[in-house]
């Protein structure tokens, strides 16, 4: 496992390392690299049906990119952060995919039409869409609640995650106005 290799290098070779993890990203100016943007926000902005991997009513954490950037810079400039694994600030109490869709649809004044893509469909579509080939092994994040816990970071540093409502508002204002 990669984490073990990194920790071994730290121990055996004196490497100064830290590991910063995040949930899936969302944020302004990342249109083509955010699953949330690609599957929900963009289709609804065009009056189309949103597509969600897995179940619409499971909760799924997302990390706001400006928060991730600030936290990564903070970690890199904090000597005592090295040798640790950190979960970057991510808002607690994540929304369900349906809640993201309803809020985005309201902004675009469209119906929150949505389509669930179950595991079998994702696997089949992977034959035609390369990025979906690797998704069946990650489906546990979309078939069950996926709640990212950044409390260790929050306790150590005075940097809190942007609430989802505020983050979505910034994405919609910046990218869809």
Foldseek 3Di string as FASTA:
>chain_A
DVVVVVLCCCVVVVDWAEAEAEFFEDFAPPQPRGPLNVQAQVQLLVQHAGEDEADQQAFAWYAYVVQVVVLVVVLVPDSVNTPYYAYGATDFDGGGNQVSLVVSNVVSVHDSHYDYQYLVNLCVCCVPDVVSVPCSVVSVCRNHHDTDDRVVVVVVDVGHGDDPVVRVVNRCVRPPD
